[in-house]
Amino acid sequence: PGNVLSADVVATGLILVATAAFALGSVLLERSDAELPIETMEGW
């Protein structure tokens, strides 16, 4: 509580946001009506 911006807390927050971005992207991909071979989609 006395140092909420410590290196560990900031790093944890960054990786949590990174994980949220990955999760959001996964859901947006599922919502899309377009189809593409997974190898093609991942490569590009």
PDB file of all heavy atoms in Angstrom:
ATOM      1  N   PRO A   1       0.814  -1.229   0.000  1.00  0.00           N
ATOM      2  CA  PRO A   1       0.000   0.000   0.000  1.00  0.00           C
ATOM      3  C   PRO A   1       0.838   1.265   0.000  1.00  0.00           C
ATOM      4  O   PRO A   1       0.411   2.306  -0.499  1.00  0.00           O
ATOM      5  CB  PRO A   1      -0.821  -0.130   1.288  1.00  0.00           C
ATOM      6  CG  PRO A   1      -0.866  -1.593   1.566  1.00  0.00           C
ATOM      7  CD  PRO A   1       0.457  -2.138   1.094  1.00  0.00           C
ATOM      8  N   GLY A   2       2.048   1.184   0.542  1.00  0.00           N
ATOM      9  CA  GLY A   2       2.902   2.362   0.585  1.00  0.00           C
ATOM     10  C   GLY A   2       3.716   2.571  -0.680  1.00  0.00           C
ATOM     11  O   GLY A   2       4.381   3.594  -0.829  1.00  0.00           O
ATOM     12  N   ASN A   3       3.671   1.569  -1.601  1.00  0.00           N
ATOM     13  CA  ASN A   3       4.446   1.685  -2.840  1.00  0.00           C
ATOM     14  C   ASN A   3       3.732   0.917  -3.943  1.00  0.00           C
ATOM     15  O   ASN A   3       4.183  -0.135  -4.389  1.00  0.00           O
ATOM     16  CB  ASN A   3       5.865   1.131  -2.636  1.00  0.00           C
ATOM     17  CG  ASN A   3       6.748   1.371  -3.843  1.00  0.00           C
ATOM     18  OD1 ASN A   3       6.422   2.173  -4.713  1.00  0.00           O
ATOM     19  ND2 ASN A   3       7.865   0.652  -3.911  1.00  0.00           N
ATOM     20  N   VAL A   4       2.586   1.449  -4.365  1.00  0.00           N
ATOM     21  CA  VAL A   4       1.757   0.735  -5.333  1.00  0.00           C
ATOM     22  C   VAL A   4       2.373   0.747  -6.733  1.00  0.00           C
ATOM     23  O   VAL A   4       1.903   0.020  -7.618  1.00  0.00           O
ATOM     24  CB  VAL A   4       0.339   1.356  -5.405  1.00  0.00           C
ATOM     25  CG1 VAL A   4      -0.386   1.142  -4.106  1.00  0.00           C
ATOM     26  CG2 VAL A   4       0.414   2.842  -5.761  1.00  0.00           C
ATOM     27  N   LEU A   5       3.409   1.551  -6.945  1.00  0.00           N
ATOM     28  CA  LEU A   5       4.064   1.591  -8.248  1.00  0.00           C
ATOM     29  C   LEU A   5       5.427   0.902  -8.216  1.00  0.00           C
ATOM     30  O   LEU A   5       6.331   1.251  -8.976  1.00  0.00           O
ATOM     31  CB  LEU A   5       4.218   3.041  -8.728  1.00  0.00           C
ATOM     32  CG  LEU A   5       2.912   3.783  -9.021  1.00  0.00           C
ATOM     33  CD1 LEU A   5       3.205   5.204  -9.469  1.00  0.00           C
ATOM     34  CD2 LEU A   5       2.099   3.046 -10.086  1.00  0.00           C
ATOM     35  N   SER A   6       5.575  -0.075  -7.334  1.00  0.00           N
ATOM     36  CA  SER A   6       6.822  -0.830  -7.298  1.00  0.00           C
ATOM     37  C   SER A   6       7.002  -1.588  -8.604  1.00  0.00           C
ATOM     38  O   SER A   6       6.045  -1.819  -9.356  1.00  0.00           O
ATOM     39  CB  SER A   6       6.819  -1.813  -6.120  1.00  0.00           C
ATOM     40  OG  SER A   6       5.834  -2.815  -6.316  1.00  0.00           O
ATOM     41  N   ALA A   7       8.246  -2.001  -8.883  1.00  0.00           N
ATOM     42  CA  ALA A   7       8.555  -2.667 -10.148  1.00  0.00           C
ATOM     43  C   ALA A   7       7.727  -3.928 -10.334  1.00  0.00           C
ATOM     44  O   ALA A   7       7.220  -4.200 -11.430  1.00  0.00           O
ATOM     45  CB  ALA A   7      10.046  -2.998 -10.205  1.00  0.00           C
ATOM     46  N   ASP A   8       7.567  -4.725  -9.260  1.00  0.00           N
ATOM     47  CA  ASP A   8       6.805  -5.967  -9.365  1.00  0.00           C
ATOM     48  C   ASP A   8       5.338  -5.703  -9.694  1.00  0.00           C
ATOM     49  O   ASP A   8       4.745  -6.405 -10.517  1.00  0.00           O
ATOM     50  CB  ASP A   8       6.897  -6.763  -8.055  1.00  0.00           C
ATOM     51  CG  ASP A   8       8.225  -7.474  -7.910  1.00  0.00           C
ATOM     52  OD1 ASP A   8       9.048  -7.377  -8.835  1.00  0.00           O
ATOM     53  OD2 ASP A   8       8.434  -8.135  -6.876  1.00  0.00           O
ATOM     54  N   VAL A   9       4.758  -4.698  -9.043  1.00  0.00           N
ATOM     55  CA  VAL A   9       3.341  -4.398  -9.269  1.00  0.00           C
ATOM     56  C   VAL A   9       3.127  -3.883 -10.690  1.00  0.00           C
ATOM     57  O   VAL A   9       2.190  -4.298 -11.391  1.00  0.00           O
ATOM     58  CB  VAL A   9       2.834  -3.376  -8.241  1.00  0.00           C
ATOM     59  CG1 VAL A   9       1.409  -2.954  -8.567  1.00  0.00           C
ATOM     60  CG2 VAL A   9       2.894  -3.960  -6.829  1.00  0.00           C
ATOM     61  N   VAL A  10       3.986  -2.983 -11.158  1.00  0.00           N
ATOM     62  CA  VAL A  10       3.861  -2.457 -12.518  1.00  0.00           C
ATOM     63  C   VAL A  10       4.039  -3.572 -13.537  1.00  0.00           C
ATOM     64  O   VAL A  10       3.279  -3.676 -14.512  1.00  0.00           O
ATOM     65  CB  VAL A  10       4.888  -1.336 -12.764  1.00  0.00           C
ATOM     66  CG1 VAL A  10       4.906  -0.938 -14.234  1.00  0.00           C
ATOM     67  CG2 VAL A  10       4.563  -0.122 -11.892  1.00  0.00           C
ATOM     68  N   ALA A  11       5.046  -4.416 -13.319  1.00  0.00           N
ATOM     69  CA  ALA A  11       5.292  -5.522 -14.250  1.00  0.00           C
ATOM     70  C   ALA A  11       4.104  -6.475 -14.282  1.00  0.00           C
ATOM     71  O   ALA A  11       3.684  -6.926 -15.358  1.00  0.00           O
ATOM     72  CB  ALA A  11       6.554  -6.275 -13.837  1.00  0.00           C
ATOM     73  N   THR A  12       3.544  -6.770 -13.107  1.00  0.00           N
ATOM     74  CA  THR A  12       2.366  -7.638 -13.049  1.00  0.00           C
ATOM     75  C   THR A  12       1.202  -7.014 -13.808  1.00  0.00           C
ATOM     76  O   THR A  12       0.494  -7.692 -14.560  1.00  0.00           O
ATOM     77  CB  THR A  12       1.960  -7.887 -11.585  1.00  0.00           C
ATOM     78  OG1 THR A  12       3.034  -8.536 -10.903  1.00  0.00           O
ATOM     79  CG2 THR A  12       0.721  -8.769 -11.510  1.00  0.00           C
ATOM     80  N   GLY A  13       1.016  -5.707 -13.628  1.00  0.00           N
ATOM     81  CA  GLY A  13      -0.059  -5.012 -14.331  1.00  0.00           C
ATOM     82  C   GLY A  13       0.125  -5.055 -15.838  1.00  0.00           C
ATOM     83  O   GLY A  13      -0.836  -5.271 -16.591  1.00  0.00           O
ATOM     84  N   LEU A  14       1.356  -4.868 -16.318  1.00  0.00           N
ATOM     85  CA  LEU A  14       1.620  -4.909 -17.748  1.00  0.00           C
ATOM     86  C   LEU A  14       1.305  -6.289 -18.332  1.00  0.00           C
ATOM     87  O   LEU A  14       0.686  -6.402 -19.404  1.00  0.00           O
ATOM     88  CB  LEU A  14       3.082  -4.555 -18.028  1.00  0.00           C
ATOM     89  CG  LEU A  14       3.468  -3.087 -17.828  1.00  0.00           C
ATOM     90  CD1 LEU A  14       4.979  -2.920 -17.966  1.00  0.00           C
ATOM     91  CD2 LEU A  14       2.757  -2.196 -18.846  1.00  0.00           C
ATOM     92  N   ILE A  15       1.717  -7.330 -17.629  1.00  0.00           N
ATOM     93  CA  ILE A  15       1.477  -8.688 -18.142  1.00  0.00           C
ATOM     94  C   ILE A  15       0.000  -9.045 -18.038  1.00  0.00           C
ATOM     95  O   ILE A  15      -0.543  -9.765 -18.885  1.00  0.00           O
ATOM     96  CB  ILE A  15       2.367  -9.704 -17.406  1.00  0.00           C
ATOM     97  CG1 ILE A  15       3.834  -9.381 -17.672  1.00  0.00           C
ATOM     98  CG2 ILE A  15       2.056 -11.132 -17.865  1.00  0.00           C
ATOM     99  CD1 ILE A  15       4.818 -10.279 -16.959  1.00  0.00           C
ATOM    100  N   LEU A  16      -0.685  -8.519 -17.024  1.00  0.00           N
ATOM    101  CA  LEU A  16      -2.133  -8.732 -16.925  1.00  0.00           C
ATOM    102  C   LEU A  16      -2.845  -8.074 -18.105  1.00  0.00           C
ATOM    103  O   LEU A  16      -3.752  -8.665 -18.716  1.00  0.00           O
ATOM    104  CB  LEU A  16      -2.656  -8.176 -15.608  1.00  0.00           C
ATOM    105  CG  LEU A  16      -4.166  -8.308 -15.365  1.00  0.00           C
ATOM    106  CD1 LEU A  16      -4.589  -9.773 -15.401  1.00  0.00           C
ATOM    107  CD2 LEU A  16      -4.547  -7.672 -14.027  1.00  0.00           C
ATOM    108  N   VAL A  17      -2.441  -6.841 -18.455  1.00  0.00           N
ATOM    109  CA  VAL A  17      -3.034  -6.162 -19.615  1.00  0.00           C
ATOM    110  C   VAL A  17      -2.698  -6.924 -20.893  1.00  0.00           C
ATOM    111  O   VAL A  17      -3.537  -7.060 -21.798  1.00  0.00           O
ATOM    112  CB  VAL A  17      -2.543  -4.703 -19.702  1.00  0.00           C
ATOM    113  CG1 VAL A  17      -3.039  -4.049 -20.990  1.00  0.00           C
ATOM    114  CG2 VAL A  17      -3.021  -3.916 -18.494  1.00  0.00           C
ATOM    115  N   ALA A  18      -1.482  -7.451 -20.988  1.00  0.00           N
ATOM    116  CA  ALA A  18      -1.096  -8.256 -22.147  1.00  0.00           C
ATOM    117  C   ALA A  18      -2.001  -9.474 -22.278  1.00  0.00           C
ATOM    118  O   ALA A  18      -2.482  -9.803 -23.377  1.00  0.00           O
ATOM    119  CB  ALA A  18       0.365  -8.695 -22.013  1.00  0.00           C
ATOM    120  N   THR A  19      -2.241 -10.141 -21.166  1.00  0.00           N
ATOM    121  CA  THR A  19      -3.100 -11.325 -21.170  1.00  0.00           C
ATOM    122  C   THR A  19      -4.525 -10.963 -21.549  1.00  0.00           C
ATOM    123  O   THR A  19      -5.199 -11.701 -22.282  1.00  0.00           O
ATOM    124  CB  THR A  19      -3.068 -12.000 -19.789  1.00  0.00           C
ATOM    125  OG1 THR A  19      -1.700 -12.259 -19.422  1.00  0.00           O
ATOM    126  CG2 THR A  19      -3.828 -13.311 -19.792  1.00  0.00           C
ATOM    127  N   ALA A  20      -4.996  -9.809 -21.072  1.00  0.00           N
ATOM    128  CA  ALA A  20      -6.337  -9.347 -21.430  1.00  0.00           C
ATOM    129  C   ALA A  20      -6.429  -9.055 -22.924  1.00  0.00           C
ATOM    130  O   ALA A  20      -7.445  -9.345 -23.574  1.00  0.00           O
ATOM    131  CB  ALA A  20      -6.694  -8.106 -20.620  1.00  0.00           C
ATOM    132  N   ALA A  21      -5.365  -8.484 -23.503  1.00  0.00           N
ATOM    133  CA  ALA A  21      -5.356  -8.214 -24.940  1.00  0.00           C
ATOM    134  C   ALA A  21      -5.448  -9.510 -25.733  1.00  0.00           C
ATOM    135  O   ALA A  21      -6.187  -9.595 -26.730  1.00  0.00           O
ATOM    136  CB  ALA A  21      -4.085  -7.447 -25.328  1.00  0.00           C
ATOM    137  N   PHE A  22      -4.733 -10.521 -25.297  1.00  0.00           N
ATOM    138  CA  PHE A  22      -4.775 -11.820 -25.977  1.00  0.00           C
ATOM    139  C   PHE A  22      -6.173 -12.423 -25.870  1.00  0.00           C
ATOM    140  O   PHE A  22      -6.714 -12.946 -26.854  1.00  0.00           O
ATOM    141  CB  PHE A  22      -3.748 -12.763 -25.355  1.00  0.00           C
ATOM    142  CG  PHE A  22      -3.532 -14.030 -26.131  1.00  0.00           C
ATOM    143  CD1 PHE A  22      -2.519 -14.106 -27.072  1.00  0.00           C
ATOM    144  CD2 PHE A  22      -4.344 -15.137 -25.935  1.00  0.00           C
ATOM    145  CE1 PHE A  22      -2.312 -15.277 -27.803  1.00  0.00           C
ATOM    146  CE2 PHE A  22      -4.156 -16.303 -26.655  1.00  0.00           C
ATOM    147  CZ  PHE A  22      -3.135 -16.378 -27.590  1.00  0.00           C
ATOM    148  N   ALA A  23      -6.763 -12.356 -24.676  1.00  0.00           N
ATOM    149  CA  ALA A  23      -8.098 -12.915 -24.480  1.00  0.00           C
ATOM    150  C   ALA A  23      -9.133 -12.175 -25.324  1.00  0.00           C
ATOM    151  O   ALA A  23      -9.995 -12.799 -25.960  1.00  0.00           O
ATOM    152  CB  ALA A  23      -8.473 -12.845 -23.001  1.00  0.00           C
ATOM    153  N   LEU A  24      -9.053 -10.846 -25.364  1.00  0.00           N
ATOM    154  CA  LEU A  24      -9.986 -10.060 -26.165  1.00  0.00           C
ATOM    155  C   LEU A  24      -9.837 -10.391 -27.645  1.00  0.00           C
ATOM    156  O   LEU A  24     -10.834 -10.558 -28.369  1.00  0.00           O
ATOM    157  CB  LEU A  24      -9.760  -8.574 -25.930  1.00  0.00           C
ATOM    158  CG  LEU A  24     -10.610  -7.610 -26.768  1.00  0.00           C
ATOM    159  CD1 LEU A  24     -12.096  -7.851 -26.542  1.00  0.00           C
ATOM    160  CD2 LEU A  24     -10.239  -6.163 -26.462  1.00  0.00           C
ATOM    161  N   GLY A  25      -8.603 -10.504 -28.093  1.00  0.00           N
ATOM    162  CA  GLY A  25      -8.371 -10.855 -29.488  1.00  0.00           C
ATOM    163  C   GLY A  25      -8.956 -12.207 -29.846  1.00  0.00           C
ATOM    164  O   GLY A  25      -9.531 -12.390 -30.927  1.00  0.00           O
ATOM    165  N   SER A  26      -8.832 -13.165 -28.938  1.00  0.00           N
ATOM    166  CA  SER A  26      -9.382 -14.502 -29.177  1.00  0.00           C
ATOM    167  C   SER A  26     -10.896 -14.448 -29.341  1.00  0.00           C
ATOM    168  O   SER A  26     -11.466 -15.108 -30.218  1.00  0.00           O
ATOM    169  CB  SER A  26      -9.015 -15.437 -28.022  1.00  0.00           C
ATOM    170  OG  SER A  26      -7.610 -15.553 -27.889  1.00  0.00           O
ATOM    171  N   VAL A  27     -11.561 -13.646 -28.500  1.00  0.00           N
ATOM    172  CA  VAL A  27     -13.018 -13.523 -28.582  1.00  0.00           C
ATOM    173  C   VAL A  27     -13.428 -12.812 -29.870  1.00  0.00           C
ATOM    174  O   VAL A  27     -14.394 -13.221 -30.537  1.00  0.00           O
ATOM    175  CB  VAL A  27     -13.562 -12.777 -27.349  1.00  0.00           C
ATOM    176  CG1 VAL A  27     -15.048 -12.469 -27.513  1.00  0.00           C
ATOM    177  CG2 VAL A  27     -13.337 -13.612 -26.087  1.00  0.00           C
ATOM    178  N   LEU A  28     -12.705 -11.766 -30.243  1.00  0.00           N
ATOM    179  CA  LEU A  28     -13.028 -11.047 -31.478  1.00  0.00           C
ATOM    180  C   LEU A  28     -12.867 -11.942 -32.701  1.00  0.00           C
ATOM    181  O   LEU A  28     -13.649 -11.864 -33.657  1.00  0.00           O
ATOM    182  CB  LEU A  28     -12.144  -9.809 -31.616  1.00  0.00           C
ATOM    183  CG  LEU A  28     -12.382  -8.701 -30.587  1.00  0.00           C
ATOM    184  CD1 LEU A  28     -11.387  -7.557 -30.785  1.00  0.00           C
ATOM    185  CD2 LEU A  28     -13.818  -8.184 -30.664  1.00  0.00           C
ATOM    186  N   LEU A  29     -11.875 -12.809 -32.677  1.00  0.00           N
ATOM    187  CA  LEU A  29     -11.702 -13.758 -33.776  1.00  0.00           C
ATOM    188  C   LEU A  29     -12.884 -14.719 -33.857  1.00  0.00           C
ATOM    189  O   LEU A  29     -13.365 -15.054 -34.946  1.00  0.00           O
ATOM    190  CB  LEU A  29     -10.405 -14.548 -33.606  1.00  0.00           C
ATOM    191  CG  LEU A  29      -9.100 -13.804 -33.881  1.00  0.00           C
ATOM    192  CD1 LEU A  29      -7.908 -14.688 -33.566  1.00  0.00           C
ATOM    193  CD2 LEU A  29      -9.027 -13.333 -35.332  1.00  0.00           C
ATOM    194  N   GLU A  30     -13.370 -15.154 -32.695  1.00  0.00           N
ATOM    195  CA  GLU A  30     -14.504 -16.077 -32.668  1.00  0.00           C
ATOM    196  C   GLU A  30     -15.768 -15.398 -33.180  1.00  0.00           C
ATOM    197  O   GLU A  30     -16.624 -16.033 -33.799  1.00  0.00           O
ATOM    198  CB  GLU A  30     -14.728 -16.589 -31.236  1.00  0.00           C
ATOM    199  CG  GLU A  30     -13.700 -17.593 -30.762  1.00  0.00           C
ATOM    200  CD  GLU A  30     -13.774 -18.906 -31.536  1.00  0.00           C
ATOM    201  OE1 GLU A  30     -14.894 -19.309 -31.915  1.00  0.00           O
ATOM    202  OE2 GLU A  30     -12.711 -19.507 -31.774  1.00  0.00           O
ATOM    203  N   ARG A  31     -15.906 -14.114 -32.941  1.00  0.00           N
ATOM    204  CA  ARG A  31     -17.106 -13.376 -33.367  1.00  0.00           C
ATOM    205  C   ARG A  31     -17.131 -13.114 -34.874  1.00  0.00           C
ATOM    206  O   ARG A  31     -18.193 -12.892 -35.453  1.00  0.00           O
ATOM    207  CB  ARG A  31     -17.183 -12.028 -32.637  1.00  0.00           C
ATOM    208  CG  ARG A  31     -17.726 -12.117 -31.230  1.00  0.00           C
ATOM    209  CD  ARG A  31     -17.663 -10.752 -30.554  1.00  0.00           C
ATOM    210  NE  ARG A  31     -18.255  -9.691 -31.366  1.00  0.00           N
ATOM    211  CZ  ARG A  31     -19.540  -9.374 -31.358  1.00  0.00           C
ATOM    212  NH1 ARG A  31     -20.379 -10.044 -30.586  1.00  0.00           N
ATOM    213  NH2 ARG A  31     -19.996  -8.387 -32.114  1.00  0.00           N
ATOM    214  N   SER A  32     -15.988 -13.136 -35.510  1.00  0.00           N
ATOM    215  CA  SER A  32     -15.926 -12.791 -36.924  1.00  0.00           C
ATOM    216  C   SER A  32     -16.581 -13.870 -37.782  1.00  0.00           C
ATOM    217  O   SER A  32     -16.489 -15.068 -37.498  1.00  0.00           O
ATOM    218  CB  SER A  32     -14.467 -12.614 -37.357  1.00  0.00           C
ATOM    219  OG  SER A  32     -14.378 -12.395 -38.744  1.00  0.00           O
ATOM    220  N   ASP A  33     -17.260 -13.430 -38.833  1.00  0.00           N
ATOM    221  CA  ASP A  33     -17.884 -14.361 -39.772  1.00  0.00           C
ATOM    222  C   ASP A  33     -16.912 -14.835 -40.845  1.00  0.00           C
ATOM    223  O   ASP A  33     -17.206 -15.790 -41.574  1.00  0.00           O
ATOM    224  CB  ASP A  33     -19.082 -13.693 -40.463  1.00  0.00           C
ATOM    225  CG  ASP A  33     -20.208 -13.364 -39.484  1.00  0.00           C
ATOM    226  OD1 ASP A  33     -20.362 -14.123 -38.501  1.00  0.00           O
ATOM    227  OD2 ASP A  33     -20.910 -12.359 -39.685  1.00  0.00           O
ATOM    228  N   ALA A  34     -15.774 -14.170 -40.977  1.00  0.00           N
ATOM    229  CA  ALA A  34     -14.801 -14.544 -42.003  1.00  0.00           C
ATOM    230  C   ALA A  34     -14.103 -15.847 -41.617  1.00  0.00           C
ATOM    231  O   ALA A  34     -14.001 -16.194 -40.437  1.00  0.00           O
ATOM    232  CB  ALA A  34     -13.776 -13.427 -42.184  1.00  0.00           C
ATOM    233  N   GLU A  35     -13.633 -16.553 -42.633  1.00  0.00           N
ATOM    234  CA  GLU A  35     -12.904 -17.796 -42.410  1.00  0.00           C
ATOM    235  C   GLU A  35     -11.599 -17.758 -43.186  1.00  0.00           C
ATOM    236  O   GLU A  35     -11.537 -17.199 -44.282  1.00  0.00           O
ATOM    237  CB  GLU A  35     -13.745 -19.002 -42.838  1.00  0.00           C
ATOM    238  CG  GLU A  35     -14.987 -19.224 -41.991  1.00  0.00           C
ATOM    239  CD  GLU A  35     -15.733 -20.483 -42.389  1.00  0.00           C
ATOM    240  OE1 GLU A  35     -15.242 -21.197 -43.291  1.00  0.00           O
ATOM    241  OE2 GLU A  35     -16.799 -20.747 -41.810  1.00  0.00           O
ATOM    242  N   LEU A  36     -10.579 -18.363 -42.599  1.00  0.00           N
ATOM    243  CA  LEU A  36      -9.262 -18.367 -43.201  1.00  0.00           C
ATOM    244  C   LEU A  36      -8.501 -19.553 -42.618  1.00  0.00           C
ATOM    245  O   LEU A  36      -8.632 -19.839 -41.422  1.00  0.00           O
ATOM    246  CB  LEU A  36      -8.539 -17.059 -42.870  1.00  0.00           C
ATOM    247  CG  LEU A  36      -7.348 -16.621 -43.715  1.00  0.00           C
ATOM    248  CD1 LEU A  36      -7.757 -16.393 -45.160  1.00  0.00           C
ATOM    249  CD2 LEU A  36      -6.764 -15.336 -43.144  1.00  0.00           C
ATOM    250  N   PRO A  37      -7.719 -20.274 -43.413  1.00  0.00           N
ATOM    251  CA  PRO A  37      -6.898 -21.343 -42.826  1.00  0.00           C
ATOM    252  C   PRO A  37      -6.076 -20.805 -41.673  1.00  0.00           C
ATOM    253  O   PRO A  37      -5.497 -19.711 -41.780  1.00  0.00           O
ATOM    254  CB  PRO A  37      -6.017 -21.805 -43.997  1.00  0.00           C
ATOM    255  CG  PRO A  37      -6.814 -21.468 -45.215  1.00  0.00           C
ATOM    256  CD  PRO A  37      -7.539 -20.191 -44.878  1.00  0.00           C
ATOM    257  N   ILE A  38      -6.024 -21.550 -40.589  1.00  0.00           N
ATOM    258  CA  ILE A  38      -5.381 -21.041 -39.385  1.00  0.00           C
ATOM    259  C   ILE A  38      -3.905 -20.734 -39.626  1.00  0.00           C
ATOM    260  O   ILE A  38      -3.354 -19.765 -39.091  1.00  0.00           O
ATOM    261  CB  ILE A  38      -5.562 -22.035 -38.208  1.00  0.00           C
ATOM    262  CG1 ILE A  38      -5.163 -21.400 -36.892  1.00  0.00           C
ATOM    263  CG2 ILE A  38      -4.793 -23.326 -38.462  1.00  0.00           C
ATOM    264  CD1 ILE A  38      -6.090 -20.321 -36.434  1.00  0.00           C
ATOM    265  N   GLU A  39      -3.247 -21.536 -40.476  1.00  0.00           N
ATOM    266  CA  GLU A  39      -1.836 -21.278 -40.776  1.00  0.00           C
ATOM    267  C   GLU A  39      -1.663 -19.942 -41.485  1.00  0.00           C
ATOM    268  O   GLU A  39      -0.725 -19.192 -41.201  1.00  0.00           O
ATOM    269  CB  GLU A  39      -1.273 -22.402 -41.646  1.00  0.00           C
ATOM    270  CG  GLU A  39      -1.311 -23.781 -40.998  1.00  0.00           C
ATOM    271  CD  GLU A  39      -2.598 -24.527 -41.286  1.00  0.00           C
ATOM    272  OE1 GLU A  39      -3.572 -23.885 -41.771  1.00  0.00           O
ATOM    273  OE2 GLU A  39      -2.649 -25.730 -41.029  1.00  0.00           O
ATOM    274  N   THR A  40      -2.585 -19.644 -42.412  1.00  0.00           N
ATOM    275  CA  THR A  40      -2.529 -18.380 -43.146  1.00  0.00           C
ATOM    276  C   THR A  40      -2.782 -17.200 -42.207  1.00  0.00           C
ATOM    277  O   THR A  40      -2.067 -16.188 -42.239  1.00  0.00           O
ATOM    278  CB  THR A  40      -3.567 -18.383 -44.275  1.00  0.00           C
ATOM    279  OG1 THR A  40      -3.320 -19.493 -45.141  1.00  0.00           O
ATOM    280  CG2 THR A  40      -3.521 -17.101 -45.076  1.00  0.00           C
ATOM    281  N   MET A  41      -3.815 -17.329 -41.386  1.00  0.00           N
ATOM    282  CA  MET A  41      -4.137 -16.251 -40.455  1.00  0.00           C
ATOM    283  C   MET A  41      -2.988 -15.989 -39.498  1.00  0.00           C
ATOM    284  O   MET A  41      -2.590 -14.837 -39.272  1.00  0.00           O
ATOM    285  CB  MET A  41      -5.413 -16.598 -39.686  1.00  0.00           C
ATOM    286  CG  MET A  41      -6.000 -15.433 -38.893  1.00  0.00           C
ATOM    287  SD  MET A  41      -5.277 -15.214 -37.250  1.00  0.00           S
ATOM    288  CE  MET A  41      -5.983 -16.630 -36.407  1.00  0.00           C
ATOM    289  N   GLU A  42      -2.414 -17.045 -38.927  1.00  0.00           N
ATOM    290  CA  GLU A  42      -1.319 -16.867 -37.977  1.00  0.00           C
ATOM    291  C   GLU A  42      -0.075 -16.296 -38.653  1.00  0.00           C
ATOM    292  O   GLU A  42       0.598 -15.425 -38.099  1.00  0.00           O
ATOM    293  CB  GLU A  42      -0.991 -18.203 -37.303  1.00  0.00           C
ATOM    294  CG  GLU A  42      -1.983 -18.630 -36.243  1.00  0.00           C
ATOM    295  CD  GLU A  42      -1.931 -17.756 -35.012  1.00  0.00           C
ATOM    296  OE1 GLU A  42      -0.960 -16.998 -34.839  1.00  0.00           O
ATOM    297  OE2 GLU A  42      -2.868 -17.833 -34.206  1.00  0.00           O
ATOM    298  N   GLY A  43       0.248 -16.795 -39.846  1.00  0.00           N
ATOM    299  CA  GLY A  43       1.447 -16.317 -40.524  1.00  0.00           C
ATOM    300  C   GLY A  43       1.397 -14.827 -40.821  1.00  0.00           C
ATOM    301  O   GLY A  43       2.341 -14.078 -40.526  1.00  0.00           O
ATOM    302  N   TRP A  44       0.274 -14.358 -41.383  1.00  0.00           N
ATOM    303  CA  TRP A  44       0.151 -12.938 -41.697  1.00  0.00           C
ATOM    304  C   TRP A  44      -0.018 -12.094 -40.433  1.00  0.00           C
ATOM    305  O   TRP A  44       0.449 -10.948 -40.369  1.00  0.00           O
ATOM    306  CB  TRP A  44      -1.005 -12.707 -42.666  1.00  0.00           C
ATOM    307  CG  TRP A  44      -0.679 -13.184 -44.050  1.00  0.00           C
ATOM    308  CD1 TRP A  44      -1.099 -14.332 -44.651  1.00  0.00           C
ATOM    309  CD2 TRP A  44       0.191 -12.539 -44.984  1.00  0.00           C
ATOM    310  NE1 TRP A  44      -0.560 -14.453 -45.907  1.00  0.00           N
ATOM    311  CE2 TRP A  44       0.230 -13.354 -46.148  1.00  0.00           C
ATOM    312  CE3 TRP A  44       0.912 -11.358 -44.969  1.00  0.00           C
ATOM    313  CZ2 TRP A  44       0.986 -13.029 -47.264  1.00  0.00           C
ATOM    314  CZ3 TRP A  44       1.670 -11.023 -46.092  1.00  0.00           C
ATOM    315  CH2 TRP A  44       1.695 -11.847 -47.224  1.00  0.00           C
TER     316      TRP A  44
END
